């Protein structure tokens, strides 16, 4: 948890073409919403991510860094939900990740 950069790897097969991709990221801490973040990753023009433009059924394998040390996590349970939508109205979900992070010691 104290490393400045975490390495993450994601492999998935999208349920539709990725022309537009909006990510919704929610973190719950001990039952209370701690973070809500939305970002358009692919807009269909001049996209910088390799996942943009992938077709339905293609296997996507990507690795990325997460900057970890700038956030101090208090002891407790974190529910993390990451959703990806192929439309701005957030009705056509193409990916959903739900995982739990348990911090056993306070970082302070």
PDB file of N, CA and C in Angstrom:
ATOM      1  N   UNK A   1       0.818  -1.204   0.000  1.00  0.00           N
ATOM      2  CA  UNK A   1       0.000   0.000   0.000  1.00  0.00           C
ATOM      3  C   UNK A   1       0.858   1.263   0.000  1.00  0.00           C
ATOM      4  N   UNK A   2       2.092   1.166   0.451  1.00  0.00           N
ATOM      5  CA  UNK A   2       2.933   2.354   0.552  1.00  0.00           C
ATOM      6  C   UNK A   2       3.764   2.612  -0.691  1.00  0.00           C
ATOM      7  N   UNK A   3       3.615   1.804  -1.724  1.00  0.00           N
ATOM      8  CA  UNK A   3       4.356   2.033  -2.958  1.00  0.00           C
ATOM      9  C   UNK A   3       3.790   3.238  -3.694  1.00  0.00           C
ATOM     10  N   UNK A   4       4.658   3.962  -4.393  1.00  0.00           N
ATOM     11  CA  UNK A   4       4.200   5.161  -5.095  1.00  0.00           C
ATOM     12  C   UNK A   4       3.396   4.826  -6.348  1.00  0.00           C
ATOM     13  N   UNK A   5       3.650   3.653  -6.941  1.00  0.00           N
ATOM     14  CA  UNK A   5       2.933   3.258  -8.151  1.00  0.00           C
ATOM     15  C   UNK A   5       2.510   1.800  -8.033  1.00  0.00           C
ATOM     16  N   UNK A   6       1.252   1.530  -8.313  1.00  0.00           N
ATOM     17  CA  UNK A   6       0.748   0.162  -8.343  1.00  0.00           C
ATOM     18  C   UNK A   6       0.600  -0.236  -9.798  1.00  0.00           C
ATOM     19  N   UNK A   7       0.890  -1.479 -10.104  1.00  0.00           N
ATOM     20  CA  UNK A   7       0.725  -1.998 -11.449  1.00  0.00           C
ATOM     21  C   UNK A   7      -0.581  -2.783 -11.522  1.00  0.00           C
ATOM     22  N   UNK A   8      -1.377  -2.515 -12.543  1.00  0.00           N
ATOM     23  CA  UNK A   8      -2.646  -3.210 -12.727  1.00  0.00           C
ATOM     24  C   UNK A   8      -2.694  -3.808 -14.134  1.00  0.00           C
ATOM     25  N   UNK A   9      -3.339  -4.942 -14.242  1.00  0.00           N
ATOM     26  CA  UNK A   9      -3.506  -5.615 -15.520  1.00  0.00           C
ATOM     27  C   UNK A   9      -4.980  -5.957 -15.670  1.00  0.00           C
ATOM     28  N   UNK A  10      -5.527  -5.680 -16.842  1.00  0.00           N
ATOM     29  CA  UNK A  10      -6.936  -5.940 -17.109  1.00  0.00           C
ATOM     30  C   UNK A  10      -7.067  -6.676 -18.434  1.00  0.00           C
ATOM     31  N   UNK A  11      -7.767  -7.805 -18.404  1.00  0.00           N
ATOM     32  CA  UNK A  11      -8.062  -8.569 -19.613  1.00  0.00           C
ATOM     33  C   UNK A  11      -9.562  -8.771 -19.672  1.00  0.00           C
ATOM     34  N   UNK A  12     -10.176  -8.404 -20.804  1.00  0.00           N
ATOM     35  CA  UNK A  12     -11.628  -8.571 -20.936  1.00  0.00           C
ATOM     36  C   UNK A  12     -12.039  -8.609 -22.391  1.00  0.00           C
ATOM     37  N   UNK A  13     -13.250  -9.067 -22.607  1.00  0.00           N
ATOM     38  CA  UNK A  13     -13.826  -9.139 -23.946  1.00  0.00           C
ATOM     39  C   UNK A  13     -15.079  -8.263 -23.943  1.00  0.00           C
ATOM     40  N   UNK A  14     -15.055  -7.132 -24.660  1.00  0.00           N
ATOM     41  CA  UNK A  14     -16.201  -6.218 -24.630  1.00  0.00           C
ATOM     42  C   UNK A  14     -17.438  -6.810 -25.306  1.00  0.00           C
ATOM     43  N   UNK A  15     -18.593  -6.403 -24.799  1.00  0.00           N
ATOM     44  CA  UNK A  15     -19.870  -6.872 -25.335  1.00  0.00           C
ATOM     45  C   UNK A  15     -20.361  -6.026 -26.501  1.00  0.00           C
ATOM     46  N   UNK A  16     -19.657  -4.946 -26.808  1.00  0.00           N
ATOM     47  CA  UNK A  16     -19.990  -4.125 -27.976  1.00  0.00           C
ATOM     48  C   UNK A  16     -18.729  -3.390 -28.429  1.00  0.00           C
ATOM     49  N   UNK A  17     -18.768  -2.821 -29.630  1.00  0.00           N
ATOM     50  CA  UNK A  17     -17.638  -2.045 -30.142  1.00  0.00           C
ATOM     51  C   UNK A  17     -17.351  -0.870 -29.206  1.00  0.00           C
ATOM     52  N   UNK A  18     -16.090  -0.512 -29.088  1.00  0.00           N
ATOM     53  CA  UNK A  18     -15.717   0.598 -28.206  1.00  0.00           C
ATOM     54  C   UNK A  18     -15.370   1.817 -29.047  1.00  0.00           C
ATOM     55  N   UNK A  19     -16.390   2.535 -29.424  1.00  0.00           N
ATOM     56  CA  UNK A  19     -16.217   3.809 -30.117  1.00  0.00           C
ATOM     57  C   UNK A  19     -16.270   4.925 -29.082  1.00  0.00           C
ATOM     58  N   UNK A  20     -17.205   4.789 -28.159  1.00  0.00           N
ATOM     59  CA  UNK A  20     -17.367   5.719 -27.045  1.00  0.00           C
ATOM     60  C   UNK A  20     -17.254   4.901 -25.769  1.00  0.00           C
ATOM     61  N   UNK A  21     -16.486   5.396 -24.794  1.00  0.00           N
ATOM     62  CA  UNK A  21     -16.354   4.692 -23.515  1.00  0.00           C
ATOM     63  C   UNK A  21     -16.314   5.696 -22.378  1.00  0.00           C
ATOM     64  N   UNK A  22     -17.278   5.561 -21.489  1.00  0.00           N
ATOM     65  CA  UNK A  22     -17.345   6.394 -20.291  1.00  0.00           C
ATOM     66  C   UNK A  22     -17.137   5.489 -19.087  1.00  0.00           C
ATOM     67  N   UNK A  23     -16.209   5.867 -18.213  1.00  0.00           N
ATOM     68  CA  UNK A  23     -15.903   5.108 -17.013  1.00  0.00           C
ATOM     69  C   UNK A  23     -16.544   5.801 -15.812  1.00  0.00           C
ATOM     70  N   UNK A  24     -17.211   5.009 -14.976  1.00  0.00           N
ATOM     71  CA  UNK A  24     -17.771   5.496 -13.712  1.00  0.00           C
ATOM     72  C   UNK A  24     -17.101   4.685 -12.603  1.00  0.00           C
ATOM     73  N   UNK A  25     -16.469   5.388 -11.673  1.00  0.00           N
ATOM     74  CA  UNK A  25     -15.676   4.768 -10.619  1.00  0.00           C
ATOM     75  C   UNK A  25     -16.255   5.190  -9.271  1.00  0.00           C
ATOM     76  N   UNK A  26     -16.701   4.206  -8.485  1.00  0.00           N
ATOM     77  CA  UNK A  26     -17.257   4.481  -7.163  1.00  0.00           C
ATOM     78  C   UNK A  26     -16.478   3.719  -6.108  1.00  0.00           C
ATOM     79  N   UNK A  27     -16.197   4.395  -4.984  1.00  0.00           N
ATOM     80  CA  UNK A  27     -15.553   3.760  -3.843  1.00  0.00           C
ATOM     81  C   UNK A  27     -16.434   3.995  -2.630  1.00  0.00           C
ATOM     82  N   UNK A  28     -16.722   2.913  -1.932  1.00  0.00           N
ATOM     83  CA  UNK A  28     -17.498   2.964  -0.696  1.00  0.00           C
ATOM     84  C   UNK A  28     -16.569   2.563   0.441  1.00  0.00           C
ATOM     85  N   UNK A  29     -16.577   3.329   1.526  1.00  0.00           N
ATOM     86  CA  UNK A  29     -15.740   3.051   2.700  1.00  0.00           C
ATOM     87  C   UNK A  29     -16.635   2.777   3.893  1.00  0.00           C
ATOM     88  N   UNK A  30     -16.585   1.572   4.405  1.00  0.00           N
ATOM     89  CA  UNK A  30     -17.417   1.146   5.540  1.00  0.00           C
ATOM     90  C   UNK A  30     -18.878   1.546   5.342  1.00  0.00           C
ATOM     91  N   UNK A  31     -19.409   1.336   4.151  1.00  0.00           N
ATOM     92  CA  UNK A  31     -20.811   1.566   3.851  1.00  0.00           C
ATOM     93  C   UNK A  31     -21.176   2.969   3.395  1.00  0.00           C
ATOM     94  N   UNK A  32     -20.233   3.906   3.395  1.00  0.00           N
ATOM     95  CA  UNK A  32     -20.510   5.281   2.962  1.00  0.00           C
ATOM     96  C   UNK A  32     -19.757   5.569   1.665  1.00  0.00           C
ATOM     97  N   UNK A  33     -20.403   6.294   0.751  1.00  0.00           N
ATOM     98  CA  UNK A  33     -19.745   6.630  -0.512  1.00  0.00           C
ATOM     99  C   UNK A  33     -18.600   7.598  -0.249  1.00  0.00           C
ATOM    100  N   UNK A  34     -17.382   7.189  -0.659  1.00  0.00           N
ATOM    101  CA  UNK A  34     -16.193   7.997  -0.421  1.00  0.00           C
ATOM    102  C   UNK A  34     -15.709   8.702  -1.680  1.00  0.00           C
ATOM    103  N   UNK A  35     -16.020   8.135  -2.852  1.00  0.00           N
ATOM    104  CA  UNK A  35     -15.546   8.726  -4.101  1.00  0.00           C
ATOM    105  C   UNK A  35     -16.502   8.371  -5.228  1.00  0.00           C
ATOM    106  N   UNK A  36     -16.792   9.359  -6.067  1.00  0.00           N
ATOM    107  CA  UNK A  36     -17.582   9.150  -7.281  1.00  0.00           C
ATOM    108  C   UNK A  36     -16.883   9.942  -8.384  1.00  0.00           C
ATOM    109  N   UNK A  37     -16.419   9.231  -9.420  1.00  0.00           N
ATOM    110  CA  UNK A  37     -15.641   9.866 -10.478  1.00  0.00           C
ATOM    111  C   UNK A  37     -16.101   9.334 -11.823  1.00  0.00           C
ATOM    112  N   UNK A  38     -16.273  10.229 -12.795  1.00  0.00           N
ATOM    113  CA  UNK A  38     -16.665   9.867 -14.158  1.00  0.00           C
ATOM    114  C   UNK A  38     -15.672  10.482 -15.129  1.00  0.00           C
ATOM    115  N   UNK A  39     -15.382   9.723 -16.186  1.00  0.00           N
ATOM    116  CA  UNK A  39     -14.448  10.225 -17.194  1.00  0.00           C
ATOM    117  C   UNK A  39     -14.764   9.580 -18.536  1.00  0.00           C
ATOM    118  N   UNK A  40     -14.794  10.380 -19.597  1.00  0.00           N
ATOM    119  CA  UNK A  40     -14.928   9.851 -20.947  1.00  0.00           C
ATOM    120  C   UNK A  40     -13.534   9.468 -21.425  1.00  0.00           C
ATOM    121  N   UNK A  41     -13.337   8.174 -21.673  1.00  0.00           N
ATOM    122  CA  UNK A  41     -12.038   7.646 -22.083  1.00  0.00           C
ATOM    123  C   UNK A  41     -11.906   7.659 -23.610  1.00  0.00           C
ATOM    124  N   UNK A  42     -12.985   7.276 -24.287  1.00  0.00           N
ATOM    125  CA  UNK A  42     -13.005   7.243 -25.754  1.00  0.00           C
ATOM    126  C   UNK A  42     -14.178   8.084 -26.242  1.00  0.00           C
ATOM    127  N   UNK A  43     -13.898   9.005 -27.132  1.00  0.00           N
ATOM    128  CA  UNK A  43     -14.970   9.856 -27.667  1.00  0.00           C
ATOM    129  C   UNK A  43     -15.193   9.632 -29.157  1.00  0.00           C
ATOM    130  N   UNK A  44     -14.303   8.866 -29.805  1.00  0.00           N
ATOM    131  CA  UNK A  44     -14.436   8.610 -31.229  1.00  0.00           C
ATOM    132  C   UNK A  44     -13.541   9.482 -32.088  1.00  0.00           C
ATOM    133  N   UNK A  45     -12.853  10.448 -31.478  1.00  0.00           N
ATOM    134  CA  UNK A  45     -11.960  11.336 -32.237  1.00  0.00           C
ATOM    135  C   UNK A  45     -10.692  11.595 -31.427  1.00  0.00           C
ATOM    136  N   UNK A  46      -9.548  11.324 -32.027  1.00  0.00           N
ATOM    137  CA  UNK A  46      -8.243  11.590 -31.407  1.00  0.00           C
ATOM    138  C   UNK A  46      -8.105  10.966 -30.018  1.00  0.00           C
ATOM    139  N   UNK A  47      -8.513   9.718 -29.882  1.00  0.00           N
ATOM    140  CA  UNK A  47      -8.427   9.040 -28.590  1.00  0.00           C
ATOM    141  C   UNK A  47      -6.997   8.590 -28.324  1.00  0.00           C
ATOM    142  N   UNK A  48      -6.549   8.710 -27.073  1.00  0.00           N
ATOM    143  CA  UNK A  48      -5.167   8.371 -26.738  1.00  0.00           C
ATOM    144  C   UNK A  48      -5.001   6.962 -26.182  1.00  0.00           C
ATOM    145  N   UNK A  49      -6.081   6.258 -25.872  1.00  0.00           N
ATOM    146  CA  UNK A  49      -5.985   4.929 -25.283  1.00  0.00           C
ATOM    147  C   UNK A  49      -6.149   3.848 -26.347  1.00  0.00           C
ATOM    148  N   UNK A  50      -5.373   2.770 -26.209  1.00  0.00           N
ATOM    149  CA  UNK A  50      -5.386   1.696 -27.204  1.00  0.00           C
ATOM    150  C   UNK A  50      -6.701   0.933 -27.227  1.00  0.00           C
ATOM    151  N   UNK A  51      -7.451   0.964 -26.142  1.00  0.00           N
ATOM    152  CA  UNK A  51      -8.729   0.255 -26.075  1.00  0.00           C
ATOM    153  C   UNK A  51      -9.778   0.900 -27.000  1.00  0.00           C
ATOM    154  N   UNK A  52      -9.620   2.160 -27.296  1.00  0.00           N
ATOM    155  CA  UNK A  52     -10.572   2.885 -28.144  1.00  0.00           C
ATOM    156  C   UNK A  52     -10.531   2.325 -29.565  1.00  0.00           C
ATOM    157  N   UNK A  53     -11.693   2.017 -30.104  1.00  0.00           N
ATOM    158  CA  UNK A  53     -11.788   1.480 -31.451  1.00  0.00           C
ATOM    159  C   UNK A  53     -11.799  -0.040 -31.510  1.00  0.00           C
ATOM    160  N   UNK A  54     -11.662  -0.711 -30.360  1.00  0.00           N
ATOM    161  CA  UNK A  54     -11.695  -2.174 -30.348  1.00  0.00           C
ATOM    162  C   UNK A  54     -13.106  -2.656 -30.701  1.00  0.00           C
ATOM    163  N   UNK A  55     -13.183  -3.853 -31.275  1.00  0.00           N
ATOM    164  CA  UNK A  55     -14.461  -4.401 -31.729  1.00  0.00           C
ATOM    165  C   UNK A  55     -15.030  -5.397 -30.733  1.00  0.00           C
ATOM    166  N   UNK A  56     -16.334  -5.562 -30.784  1.00  0.00           N
ATOM    167  CA  UNK A  56     -17.030  -6.527 -29.940  1.00  0.00           C
ATOM    168  C   UNK A  56     -16.397  -7.907 -30.131  1.00  0.00           C
ATOM    169  N   UNK A  57     -16.099  -8.585 -29.018  1.00  0.00           N
ATOM    170  CA  UNK A  57     -15.549  -9.927 -29.074  1.00  0.00           C
ATOM    171  C   UNK A  57     -14.032 -10.010 -29.116  1.00  0.00           C
ATOM    172  N   UNK A  58     -13.343  -8.892 -29.378  1.00  0.00           N
ATOM    173  CA  UNK A  58     -11.879  -8.892 -29.362  1.00  0.00           C
ATOM    174  C   UNK A  58     -11.392  -8.939 -27.911  1.00  0.00           C
ATOM    175  N   UNK A  59     -10.344  -9.696 -27.665  1.00  0.00           N
ATOM    176  CA  UNK A  59      -9.769  -9.746 -26.322  1.00  0.00           C
ATOM    177  C   UNK A  59      -8.883  -8.531 -26.119  1.00  0.00           C
ATOM    178  N   UNK A  60      -9.145  -7.827 -25.050  1.00  0.00           N
ATOM    179  CA  UNK A  60      -8.362  -6.650 -24.698  1.00  0.00           C
ATOM    180  C   UNK A  60      -7.506  -7.015 -23.490  1.00  0.00           C
ATOM    181  N   UNK A  61      -6.216  -6.881 -23.629  1.00  0.00           N
ATOM    182  CA  UNK A  61      -5.275  -7.113 -22.532  1.00  0.00           C
ATOM    183  C   UNK A  61      -4.445  -5.846 -22.394  1.00  0.00           C
ATOM    184  N   UNK A  62      -4.558  -5.180 -21.271  1.00  0.00           N
ATOM    185  CA  UNK A  62      -3.852  -3.920 -21.088  1.00  0.00           C
ATOM    186  C   UNK A  62      -3.267  -3.849 -19.682  1.00  0.00           C
ATOM    187  N   UNK A  63      -2.177  -3.146 -19.549  1.00  0.00           N
ATOM    188  CA  UNK A  63      -1.542  -2.907 -18.261  1.00  0.00           C
ATOM    189  C   UNK A  63      -1.423  -1.401 -18.063  1.00  0.00           C
ATOM    190  N   UNK A  64      -1.585  -0.970 -16.827  1.00  0.00           N
ATOM    191  CA  UNK A  64      -1.501   0.455 -16.539  1.00  0.00           C
ATOM    192  C   UNK A  64      -1.042   0.653 -15.105  1.00  0.00           C
ATOM    193  N   UNK A  65      -0.591   1.857 -14.811  1.00  0.00           N
ATOM    194  CA  UNK A  65      -0.124   2.211 -13.470  1.00  0.00           C
ATOM    195  C   UNK A  65      -1.195   2.994 -12.731  1.00  0.00           C
ATOM    196  N   UNK A  66      -1.255   2.779 -11.431  1.00  0.00           N
ATOM    197  CA  UNK A  66      -2.129   3.539 -10.551  1.00  0.00           C
ATOM    198  C   UNK A  66      -1.227   4.213  -9.530  1.00  0.00           C
ATOM    199  N   UNK A  67      -1.357   5.515  -9.407  1.00  0.00           N
ATOM    200  CA  UNK A  67      -0.548   6.256  -8.447  1.00  0.00           C
ATOM    201  C   UNK A  67      -1.128   6.021  -7.054  1.00  0.00           C
ATOM    202  N   UNK A  68      -0.416   5.289  -6.196  1.00  0.00           N
ATOM    203  CA  UNK A  68      -0.973   4.834  -4.933  1.00  0.00           C
ATOM    204  C   UNK A  68      -0.579   5.615  -3.701  1.00  0.00           C
ATOM    205  N   UNK A  69       0.640   6.054  -3.587  1.00  0.00           N
ATOM    206  CA  UNK A  69       1.129   6.622  -2.332  1.00  0.00           C
ATOM    207  C   UNK A  69       0.528   7.985  -2.010  1.00  0.00           C
ATOM    208  N   UNK A  70      -0.057   8.651  -2.968  1.00  0.00           N
ATOM    209  CA  UNK A  70      -0.609   9.978  -2.671  1.00  0.00           C
ATOM    210  C   UNK A  70      -1.932   9.895  -1.913  1.00  0.00           C
ATOM    211  N   UNK A  71      -2.499   8.699  -1.802  1.00  0.00           N
ATOM    212  CA  UNK A  71      -3.734   8.509  -1.054  1.00  0.00           C
ATOM    213  C   UNK A  71      -3.435   7.660   0.171  1.00  0.00           C
ATOM    214  N   UNK A  72      -3.769   8.173   1.347  1.00  0.00           N
ATOM    215  CA  UNK A  72      -3.606   7.426   2.588  1.00  0.00           C
ATOM    216  C   UNK A  72      -4.961   6.805   2.929  1.00  0.00           C
ATOM    217  N   UNK A  73      -4.982   5.487   3.014  1.00  0.00           N
ATOM    218  CA  UNK A  73      -6.226   4.779   3.260  1.00  0.00           C
ATOM    219  C   UNK A  73      -6.354   4.432   4.734  1.00  0.00           C
ATOM    220  N   UNK A  74      -7.402   4.923   5.417  1.00  0.00           N
ATOM    221  CA  UNK A  74      -7.635   4.501   6.796  1.00  0.00           C
ATOM    222  C   UNK A  74      -8.036   3.028   6.846  1.00  0.00           C
ATOM    223  N   UNK A  75      -7.832   2.430   7.988  1.00  0.00           N
ATOM    224  CA  UNK A  75      -8.185   1.035   8.202  1.00  0.00           C
ATOM    225  C   UNK A  75      -9.678   0.839   7.939  1.00  0.00           C
ATOM    226  N   UNK A  76     -10.012  -0.248   7.231  1.00  0.00           N
ATOM    227  CA  UNK A  76     -11.422  -0.544   6.973  1.00  0.00           C
ATOM    228  C   UNK A  76     -11.627  -1.288   5.669  1.00  0.00           C
ATOM    229  N   UNK A  77     -12.885  -1.469   5.323  1.00  0.00           N
ATOM    230  CA  UNK A  77     -13.281  -2.172   4.104  1.00  0.00           C
ATOM    231  C   UNK A  77     -13.706  -1.172   3.038  1.00  0.00           C
ATOM    232  N   UNK A  78     -13.203  -1.370   1.825  1.00  0.00           N
ATOM    233  CA  UNK A  78     -13.525  -0.518   0.692  1.00  0.00           C
ATOM    234  C   UNK A  78     -14.177  -1.374  -0.390  1.00  0.00           C
ATOM    235  N   UNK A  79     -15.359  -0.978  -0.824  1.00  0.00           N
ATOM    236  CA  UNK A  79     -15.997  -1.617  -1.978  1.00  0.00           C
ATOM    237  C   UNK A  79     -15.739  -0.725  -3.171  1.00  0.00           C
ATOM    238  N   UNK A  80     -15.165  -1.299  -4.208  1.00  0.00           N
ATOM    239  CA  UNK A  80     -14.791  -0.527  -5.392  1.00  0.00           C
ATOM    240  C   UNK A  80     -15.560  -1.069  -6.586  1.00  0.00           C
ATOM    241  N   UNK A  81     -16.285  -0.180  -7.256  1.00  0.00           N
ATOM    242  CA  UNK A  81     -17.088  -0.560  -8.416  1.00  0.00           C
ATOM    243  C   UNK A  81     -16.665   0.308  -9.586  1.00  0.00           C
ATOM    244  N   UNK A  82     -16.231  -0.355 -10.648  1.00  0.00           N
ATOM    245  CA  UNK A  82     -15.838   0.332 -11.874  1.00  0.00           C
ATOM    246  C   UNK A  82     -16.768  -0.139 -12.988  1.00  0.00           C
ATOM    247  N   UNK A  83     -17.444   0.811 -13.618  1.00  0.00           N
ATOM    248  CA  UNK A  83     -18.366   0.486 -14.703  1.00  0.00           C
ATOM    249  C   UNK A  83     -17.927   1.217 -15.962  1.00  0.00           C
ATOM    250  N   UNK A  84     -18.103   0.562 -17.103  1.00  0.00           N
ATOM    251  CA  UNK A  84     -17.815   1.173 -18.392  1.00  0.00           C
ATOM    252  C   UNK A  84     -19.058   1.154 -19.256  1.00  0.00           C
ATOM    253  N   UNK A  85     -19.375   2.285 -19.862  1.00  0.00           N
ATOM    254  CA  UNK A  85     -20.580   2.425 -20.677  1.00  0.00           C
ATOM    255  C   UNK A  85     -20.212   2.858 -22.088  1.00  0.00           C
ATOM    256  N   UNK A  86     -20.969   2.361 -23.071  1.00  0.00           N
ATOM    257  CA  UNK A  86     -20.717   2.740 -24.466  1.00  0.00           C
ATOM    258  C   UNK A  86     -21.618   3.884 -24.910  1.00  0.00           C
ATOM    259  N   UNK A  87     -22.239   4.563 -23.952  1.00  0.00           N
ATOM    260  CA  UNK A  87     -23.058   5.737 -24.256  1.00  0.00           C
ATOM    261  C   UNK A  87     -22.970   6.713 -23.087  1.00  0.00           C
ATOM    262  N   UNK A  88     -23.246   7.981 -23.358  1.00  0.00           N
ATOM    263  CA  UNK A  88     -23.136   9.005 -22.327  1.00  0.00           C
ATOM    264  C   UNK A  88     -24.267   8.934 -21.310  1.00  0.00           C
ATOM    265  N   UNK A  89     -25.386   8.295 -21.671  1.00  0.00           N
ATOM    266  CA  UNK A  89     -26.524   8.207 -20.757  1.00  0.00           C
ATOM    267  C   UNK A  89     -26.349   7.102 -19.712  1.00  0.00           C
ATOM    268  N   UNK A  90     -25.272   6.330 -19.820  1.00  0.00           N
ATOM    269  CA  UNK A  90     -24.948   5.262 -18.879  1.00  0.00           C
ATOM    270  C   UNK A  90     -26.020   4.170 -18.837  1.00  0.00           C
ATOM    271  N   UNK A  91     -26.545   3.816 -20.017  1.00  0.00           N
ATOM    272  CA  UNK A  91     -27.547   2.749 -20.106  1.00  0.00           C
ATOM    273  C   UNK A  91     -26.990   1.470 -20.713  1.00  0.00           C
ATOM    274  N   UNK A  92     -25.939   1.556 -21.532  1.00  0.00           N
ATOM    275  CA  UNK A  92     -25.393   0.380 -22.195  1.00  0.00           C
ATOM    276  C   UNK A  92     -24.045   0.022 -21.563  1.00  0.00           C
ATOM    277  N   UNK A  93     -24.090  -0.791 -20.487  1.00  0.00           N
ATOM    278  CA  UNK A  93     -22.878  -1.174 -19.773  1.00  0.00           C
ATOM    279  C   UNK A  93     -22.134  -2.256 -20.551  1.00  0.00           C
ATOM    280  N   UNK A  94     -20.818  -2.044 -20.742  1.00  0.00           N
ATOM    281  CA  UNK A  94     -20.016  -3.049 -21.446  1.00  0.00           C
ATOM    282  C   UNK A  94     -18.981  -3.701 -20.538  1.00  0.00           C
ATOM    283  N   UNK A  95     -18.763  -3.140 -19.357  1.00  0.00           N
ATOM    284  CA  UNK A  95     -17.871  -3.771 -18.384  1.00  0.00           C
ATOM    285  C   UNK A  95     -18.284  -3.340 -16.980  1.00  0.00           C
ATOM    286  N   UNK A  96     -18.143  -4.272 -16.042  1.00  0.00           N
ATOM    287  CA  UNK A  96     -18.407  -3.959 -14.640  1.00  0.00           C
ATOM    288  C   UNK A  96     -17.443  -4.773 -13.781  1.00  0.00           C
ATOM    289  N   UNK A  97     -16.683  -4.094 -12.960  1.00  0.00           N
ATOM    290  CA  UNK A  97     -15.779  -4.733 -12.011  1.00  0.00           C
ATOM    291  C   UNK A  97     -16.227  -4.355 -10.608  1.00  0.00           C
ATOM    292  N   UNK A  98     -16.290  -5.340  -9.734  1.00  0.00           N
ATOM    293  CA  UNK A  98     -16.697  -5.110  -8.358  1.00  0.00           C
ATOM    294  C   UNK A  98     -15.724  -5.876  -7.475  1.00  0.00           C
ATOM    295  N   UNK A  99     -14.942  -5.165  -6.679  1.00  0.00           N
ATOM    296  CA  UNK A  99     -14.009  -5.853  -5.800  1.00  0.00           C
ATOM    297  C   UNK A  99     -13.898  -5.138  -4.466  1.00  0.00           C
ATOM    298  N   UNK A 100     -13.354  -5.852  -3.482  1.00  0.00           N
ATOM    299  CA  UNK A 100     -13.221  -5.336  -2.131  1.00  0.00           C
ATOM    300  C   UNK A 100     -11.745  -5.204  -1.778  1.00  0.00           C
ATOM    301  N   UNK A 101     -11.387  -4.069  -1.202  1.00  0.00           N
ATOM    302  CA  UNK A 101     -10.040  -3.846  -0.697  1.00  0.00           C
ATOM    303  C   UNK A 101     -10.153  -3.735   0.821  1.00  0.00           C
ATOM    304  N   UNK A 102      -9.375  -4.522   1.534  1.00  0.00           N
ATOM    305  CA  UNK A 102      -9.384  -4.503   2.993  1.00  0.00           C
ATOM    306  C   UNK A 102      -8.046  -3.946   3.476  1.00  0.00           C
ATOM    307  N   UNK A 103      -8.106  -2.831   4.187  1.00  0.00           N
ATOM    308  CA  UNK A 103      -6.906  -2.218   4.760  1.00  0.00           C
ATOM    309  C   UNK A 103      -6.887  -2.604   6.238  1.00  0.00           C
ATOM    310  N   UNK A 104      -5.843  -3.320   6.641  1.00  0.00           N
ATOM    311  CA  UNK A 104      -5.791  -3.859   7.997  1.00  0.00           C
ATOM    312  C   UNK A 104      -5.087  -2.957   8.987  1.00  0.00           C
ATOM    313  N   UNK A 105      -4.294  -1.974   8.501  1.00  0.00           N
ATOM    314  CA  UNK A 105      -3.606  -1.052   9.390  1.00  0.00           C
ATOM    315  C   UNK A 105      -3.799   0.366   8.879  1.00  0.00           C
ATOM    316  N   UNK A 106      -3.919   1.299   9.805  1.00  0.00           N
ATOM    317  CA  UNK A 106      -3.992   2.707   9.411  1.00  0.00           C
ATOM    318  C   UNK A 106      -2.672   3.146   8.807  1.00  0.00           C
ATOM    319  N   UNK A 107      -2.758   3.973   7.791  1.00  0.00           N
ATOM    320  CA  UNK A 107      -1.561   4.458   7.098  1.00  0.00           C
ATOM    321  C   UNK A 107      -0.967   5.678   7.788  1.00  0.00           C
ATOM    322  N   UNK A 108      -1.621   6.161   8.823  1.00  0.00           N
ATOM    323  CA  UNK A 108      -1.186   7.397   9.477  1.00  0.00           C
ATOM    324  C   UNK A 108      -0.176   7.134  10.566  1.00  0.00           C
TER     325      UNK A 108
END
